[in-house]
Amino acid sequence: MYKLFAFRYLKAKKSTNAINIISWVSVTAIAVGAAAMVLVLSVYNGFEGLVKSLYSSFYPEIKIAPAAGKTLFISNEQLNKIATTPGVAVYSKVAEEKAAVINGDYQTIVTIKGVDENYTKVTGVADRIIRGKFDLGTIDEPLAILGSGVEGLLGVNSATSIYQLTTYIPRKAVESKDPRASLPQGNILPAGTFAIQQDFDNKYIITNLAYIKKQIGLQDNEYSAIEIKAKTGENISTIKRALQNLLGNGYTVEDRYEQNRTLYNVMQLEKWVIFGILSLILIIAAFNMIGALTMLVLEKKKDIQVLQAMGADKSFIRKVFLSEGVLLATIGAASGMILAVIFCLLQQQFHLIPLAGNSFVIDYYPVKVLPLDLIVIAATIFIVAILASWIPATKASDQPFELKV
């Protein structure tokens, strides 16, 4: 019943036009706040999804690394058990180390990564080749896949270069007193260039596993990590636990999130900090709502007394004006969120808002609307509406019963 009264008060003509104006100003402010929240969070979701897709091209779904030190020892028996673990599709053995790379007058420090023949099945680096081809060569004639940033730093073009790069990779456990023995020289020919994301493009060179193991001095069953791709639709957490139980505490088994924990945590923190800042818009709108409801209480003083005479208690009257506030907030929130969702769909389809410059992998703002975000925004607006309506609603319920005859 109290909702019916609230709805009638919303539609009823007011004696003072200012009440209508303030009410619809508060509705508009809430609509703007709701739309801003949906749009900003959707953009953050879009960029987060884009970054994750870029990182997923380089980082495996699951990675087995040493719990301590830089390398791990893993037997053929353990590798067979990994391959037969439920949910595991394929694994790749990798070895990597920092290296100095020289091309004439150009030189830079990179991470050089040796991978086996399964690497293209575990990651999407081969799909990100922009020049040349994905060819790793052999132990005697190694070929290199350069990050696009590394290619620029070394002043080469991997598609046309006929000159080898000189590598100096620190060798493990050297007994010789000659310092040159701990930093053996190698030669490697560029074969292709990949472009994924600046963190990888400026840092990595990829070549064949046998060459890197030879240069570093690793044993037959010694690697830097084992990278794994799961079967489609399998639960990554379940596979990760199974592998950890299989290998024991001497190894760490990480999913893609754990390999980039800091990045993902920062992205989530930024998203919700912005959400908190945008919530201030709703607080400002709440002041308008307080004013509109307070003026409505003053105008409906006689109605309140009539309701009291008919037996309405304080709780009923309070609910009437709380419902009025929630109704105003609902109209604003629904209109703002619907408009924002429509705009996001148009942005996804037609790329209405472009990104400035041409240095990014896409030329428009990516957006992604998540149902959970809409629920959180709606809940936030509902809470703000209740808090803003509470003071005038309580004031209305405390009106003394002074019906005159």
Foldseek 3Di string as FASTA:
>chain_A
DLLVLLVCLLPDDFPDCVLVVLLVVLLQLLLVLLLVLQQLLQLLVFVVVLVVVLLQQPAFQKKKAFPDDQKDFDDPVLVVVLCPQPFFDDKKFKAKFWKWKADPVFIDIAIEMAIAPCVVVGHNQQVQWDAFHPDQDDLVAGAKAAQQQVCVRRVHGLRDDPAWMKMWTAAPPDPDPPPCLRTDIDTYHYGTYGYRDPVDSNHYMYHHRNNVCVNRVPDPRMGRMMGTHTDPPDDSVVSQVVSCVSPDDRMHMDGSCVVVVVVVVVSVVVSVVVVVVSCVSSLVSLVSLLVSLLVSLVRCLVVLLVVVVVPDALVSQLVSQLSSLLVSSVSSNVNSNVVSVVVLVCCVVPQPAFDPDDPDPGGGRGGDRDPVSSVVSSVSSSVSSNVSRNVSSNVSNPRDNDDDD
